[in-house]
N, C-alpha and C. Protein backbone atom coordinates (compact mmCIF):
# COMPACT_ATOMS: atom_id res chain seq x y z
N MET A 1 -33.51 -29.80 -8.16
CA MET A 1 -32.33 -30.35 -7.53
C MET A 1 -31.06 -30.05 -8.33
N LEU A 2 -31.22 -30.01 -9.65
CA LEU A 2 -30.08 -29.74 -10.51
C LEU A 2 -29.58 -28.32 -10.29
N SER A 3 -30.48 -27.39 -10.02
CA SER A 3 -30.09 -26.01 -9.77
C SER A 3 -29.22 -25.90 -8.53
N ARG A 4 -29.57 -26.63 -7.49
CA ARG A 4 -28.77 -26.60 -6.26
C ARG A 4 -27.37 -27.16 -6.51
N ALA A 5 -27.33 -28.22 -7.30
CA ALA A 5 -26.02 -28.83 -7.62
C ALA A 5 -25.16 -27.84 -8.40
N ARG A 6 -25.77 -27.10 -9.32
CA ARG A 6 -25.02 -26.09 -10.07
C ARG A 6 -24.46 -25.02 -9.16
N TRP A 7 -25.32 -24.52 -8.25
CA TRP A 7 -24.87 -23.48 -7.33
C TRP A 7 -23.78 -24.00 -6.39
N LEU A 8 -23.92 -25.25 -5.97
CA LEU A 8 -22.89 -25.85 -5.13
C LEU A 8 -21.57 -25.93 -5.90
N GLY A 9 -21.63 -26.38 -7.14
CA GLY A 9 -20.42 -26.47 -7.97
C GLY A 9 -19.81 -25.10 -8.21
N ALA A 10 -20.67 -24.10 -8.47
CA ALA A 10 -20.16 -22.74 -8.68
C ALA A 10 -19.50 -22.22 -7.41
N GLY A 11 -20.10 -22.50 -6.27
CA GLY A 11 -19.53 -22.05 -4.99
C GLY A 11 -18.19 -22.70 -4.70
N VAL A 12 -18.10 -24.01 -4.98
CA VAL A 12 -16.84 -24.73 -4.78
C VAL A 12 -15.77 -24.17 -5.71
N ALA A 13 -16.11 -23.94 -6.97
CA ALA A 13 -15.14 -23.40 -7.93
C ALA A 13 -14.69 -22.00 -7.53
N PHE A 14 -15.64 -21.17 -7.13
CA PHE A 14 -15.30 -19.82 -6.69
C PHE A 14 -14.42 -19.85 -5.45
N GLY A 15 -14.75 -20.69 -4.52
CA GLY A 15 -13.95 -20.82 -3.29
C GLY A 15 -12.53 -21.27 -3.58
N ALA A 16 -12.40 -22.24 -4.48
CA ALA A 16 -11.06 -22.74 -4.83
C ALA A 16 -10.25 -21.65 -5.53
N ALA A 17 -10.89 -20.93 -6.45
CA ALA A 17 -10.18 -19.87 -7.17
C ALA A 17 -9.78 -18.75 -6.20
N ALA A 18 -10.67 -18.38 -5.31
CA ALA A 18 -10.35 -17.32 -4.34
C ALA A 18 -9.23 -17.77 -3.41
N SER A 19 -9.23 -19.03 -3.05
CA SER A 19 -8.19 -19.56 -2.18
C SER A 19 -6.82 -19.50 -2.87
N LEU A 20 -6.76 -19.90 -4.13
CA LEU A 20 -5.50 -19.86 -4.87
C LEU A 20 -5.02 -18.43 -5.08
N TRP A 21 -5.95 -17.52 -5.40
CA TRP A 21 -5.59 -16.12 -5.59
C TRP A 21 -5.03 -15.52 -4.30
N THR A 22 -5.70 -15.82 -3.18
CA THR A 22 -5.25 -15.30 -1.89
C THR A 22 -3.88 -15.86 -1.53
N GLU A 23 -3.70 -17.14 -1.76
CA GLU A 23 -2.41 -17.77 -1.47
C GLU A 23 -1.28 -17.10 -2.26
N ARG A 24 -1.54 -16.84 -3.55
CA ARG A 24 -0.54 -16.19 -4.39
C ARG A 24 -0.21 -14.79 -3.89
N LYS A 25 -1.23 -14.01 -3.50
CA LYS A 25 -1.00 -12.66 -3.01
C LYS A 25 -0.22 -12.68 -1.70
N VAL A 26 -0.54 -13.61 -0.82
CA VAL A 26 0.15 -13.71 0.47
C VAL A 26 1.62 -14.08 0.25
N LYS A 27 1.87 -15.00 -0.66
CA LYS A 27 3.26 -15.39 -0.94
C LYS A 27 4.05 -14.22 -1.52
N MET A 28 3.42 -13.45 -2.40
CA MET A 28 4.11 -12.29 -2.98
C MET A 28 4.41 -11.25 -1.90
N ALA A 29 3.47 -11.02 -1.00
CA ALA A 29 3.69 -10.04 0.07
C ALA A 29 4.78 -10.54 1.02
N ALA A 30 4.78 -11.82 1.33
CA ALA A 30 5.80 -12.38 2.22
C ALA A 30 7.18 -12.27 1.58
N ALA A 31 7.28 -12.54 0.29
CA ALA A 31 8.57 -12.46 -0.40
C ALA A 31 9.08 -11.02 -0.42
N LYS A 32 8.15 -10.08 -0.50
CA LYS A 32 8.53 -8.67 -0.55
C LYS A 32 9.21 -8.24 0.75
N TYR A 33 8.82 -8.83 1.87
CA TYR A 33 9.35 -8.41 3.17
C TYR A 33 10.42 -9.34 3.71
N GLN A 34 10.89 -10.27 2.92
CA GLN A 34 12.03 -11.07 3.32
C GLN A 34 13.29 -10.25 3.07
N PRO A 35 14.40 -10.60 3.70
CA PRO A 35 15.62 -9.80 3.54
C PRO A 35 16.00 -9.51 2.09
N ALA A 36 15.90 -10.49 1.22
CA ALA A 36 16.28 -10.26 -0.18
C ALA A 36 15.32 -9.28 -0.83
N GLY A 37 14.04 -9.39 -0.52
CA GLY A 37 13.06 -8.47 -1.06
C GLY A 37 13.27 -7.05 -0.58
N LEU A 38 13.56 -6.91 0.71
CA LEU A 38 13.81 -5.58 1.27
C LEU A 38 15.07 -4.96 0.68
N ALA A 39 16.07 -5.81 0.45
CA ALA A 39 17.31 -5.29 -0.15
C ALA A 39 17.03 -4.79 -1.57
N GLY A 40 16.21 -5.51 -2.30
CA GLY A 40 15.86 -5.08 -3.66
C GLY A 40 15.13 -3.75 -3.66
N ILE A 41 14.21 -3.59 -2.72
CA ILE A 41 13.47 -2.33 -2.61
C ILE A 41 14.42 -1.19 -2.26
N ALA A 42 15.35 -1.46 -1.33
CA ALA A 42 16.30 -0.43 -0.93
C ALA A 42 17.20 -0.03 -2.09
N VAL A 43 17.64 -0.99 -2.87
CA VAL A 43 18.51 -0.70 -4.03
C VAL A 43 17.76 0.15 -5.06
N GLU A 44 16.48 -0.20 -5.31
CA GLU A 44 15.69 0.57 -6.28
C GLU A 44 15.52 2.02 -5.81
N LYS A 45 15.24 2.20 -4.53
CA LYS A 45 15.07 3.55 -4.01
C LYS A 45 16.39 4.32 -4.05
N ALA A 46 17.49 3.65 -3.74
CA ALA A 46 18.79 4.31 -3.75
C ALA A 46 19.19 4.72 -5.17
N ARG A 47 18.82 3.92 -6.14
CA ARG A 47 19.15 4.26 -7.53
C ARG A 47 18.33 5.44 -8.02
N GLY A 48 17.12 5.57 -7.55
CA GLY A 48 16.26 6.65 -7.99
C GLY A 48 16.52 7.96 -7.26
N TRP A 49 17.16 7.90 -6.11
CA TRP A 49 17.37 9.07 -5.27
C TRP A 49 18.18 10.18 -5.94
N PRO A 50 19.33 9.90 -6.56
CA PRO A 50 20.10 10.99 -7.17
C PRO A 50 19.32 11.75 -8.24
N GLY A 51 18.56 11.04 -9.02
CA GLY A 51 17.75 11.70 -10.05
C GLY A 51 16.71 12.62 -9.46
N GLN A 52 16.11 12.20 -8.35
CA GLN A 52 15.11 13.03 -7.68
C GLN A 52 15.75 14.28 -7.09
N VAL A 53 16.95 14.12 -6.54
CA VAL A 53 17.65 15.27 -5.97
C VAL A 53 18.02 16.26 -7.08
N ARG A 54 18.52 15.74 -8.20
CA ARG A 54 18.87 16.62 -9.32
C ARG A 54 17.64 17.37 -9.83
N ALA A 55 16.53 16.67 -9.94
CA ALA A 55 15.30 17.30 -10.41
C ALA A 55 14.83 18.39 -9.44
N ALA A 56 14.93 18.12 -8.15
CA ALA A 56 14.52 19.11 -7.15
C ALA A 56 15.42 20.34 -7.20
N ILE A 57 16.72 20.13 -7.35
CA ILE A 57 17.66 21.26 -7.43
C ILE A 57 17.37 22.09 -8.69
N GLU A 58 17.16 21.42 -9.80
CA GLU A 58 16.88 22.14 -11.05
C GLU A 58 15.57 22.91 -10.94
N GLU A 59 14.57 22.32 -10.35
CA GLU A 59 13.29 23.01 -10.16
C GLU A 59 13.47 24.24 -9.26
N GLY A 60 14.26 24.08 -8.20
CA GLY A 60 14.53 25.21 -7.32
C GLY A 60 15.26 26.33 -8.03
N ARG A 61 16.23 25.98 -8.84
CA ARG A 61 16.97 27.01 -9.58
C ARG A 61 16.08 27.73 -10.59
N THR A 62 15.24 26.98 -11.28
CA THR A 62 14.33 27.58 -12.25
C THR A 62 13.38 28.55 -11.56
N THR A 63 12.82 28.11 -10.45
CA THR A 63 11.90 28.97 -9.69
C THR A 63 12.62 30.20 -9.17
N MET A 64 13.86 30.04 -8.72
CA MET A 64 14.64 31.15 -8.22
C MET A 64 14.89 32.18 -9.33
N ARG A 65 15.25 31.70 -10.52
CA ARG A 65 15.50 32.61 -11.64
C ARG A 65 14.23 33.36 -12.04
N GLN A 66 13.10 32.65 -12.07
CA GLN A 66 11.84 33.31 -12.41
C GLN A 66 11.49 34.39 -11.39
N ARG A 67 11.64 34.06 -10.13
CA ARG A 67 11.32 35.03 -9.07
C ARG A 67 12.28 36.22 -9.12
N GLU A 68 13.55 35.96 -9.40
CA GLU A 68 14.52 37.05 -9.50
C GLU A 68 14.14 37.99 -10.65
N THR A 69 13.73 37.42 -11.77
CA THR A 69 13.30 38.23 -12.91
C THR A 69 12.09 39.08 -12.54
N GLU A 70 11.12 38.48 -11.83
CA GLU A 70 9.93 39.22 -11.40
C GLU A 70 10.31 40.37 -10.47
N LEU A 71 11.21 40.10 -9.53
CA LEU A 71 11.62 41.13 -8.58
C LEU A 71 12.37 42.27 -9.28
N ARG A 72 13.24 41.91 -10.24
CA ARG A 72 13.97 42.95 -10.97
C ARG A 72 13.01 43.82 -11.79
N GLN A 73 12.01 43.20 -12.41
CA GLN A 73 11.03 43.97 -13.18
C GLN A 73 10.23 44.90 -12.25
N GLU A 74 9.87 44.39 -11.10
CA GLU A 74 9.13 45.21 -10.14
C GLU A 74 10.00 46.36 -9.63
N LEU A 75 11.26 46.09 -9.39
CA LEU A 75 12.19 47.14 -8.94
C LEU A 75 12.35 48.20 -10.02
N ASP A 76 12.44 47.79 -11.29
CA ASP A 76 12.56 48.74 -12.39
C ASP A 76 11.31 49.64 -12.46
N ARG A 77 10.14 49.05 -12.27
CA ARG A 77 8.90 49.84 -12.31
C ARG A 77 8.85 50.84 -11.17
N VAL A 78 9.31 50.44 -10.02
CA VAL A 78 9.26 51.32 -8.83
C VAL A 78 10.31 52.43 -8.95
N SER A 79 11.49 52.12 -9.46
CA SER A 79 12.56 53.12 -9.50
C SER A 79 12.40 54.12 -10.64
N ARG A 80 11.56 53.83 -11.63
CA ARG A 80 11.34 54.79 -12.70
C ARG A 80 10.36 55.84 -12.22
N PRO A 81 10.69 57.12 -12.46
CA PRO A 81 9.78 58.19 -12.00
C PRO A 81 8.59 58.37 -12.89
């Protein structure tokens, strides 16, 4: 009988802990989608955007320079008799 009581107590404790954890996660998700939360997400994305654009432009320029060098080397090889 004591074993059943232990399992019952463990089940009650687990259920209570799972309930509190779920409640906390739901509240965090709800706060994220409230107007203030959405504004915060938008501000974070807007602040990161210029850096991403600069990185993309720099990567494009680097790739362009490398490809131009490759093409010039290939042209030199072809034009030499």
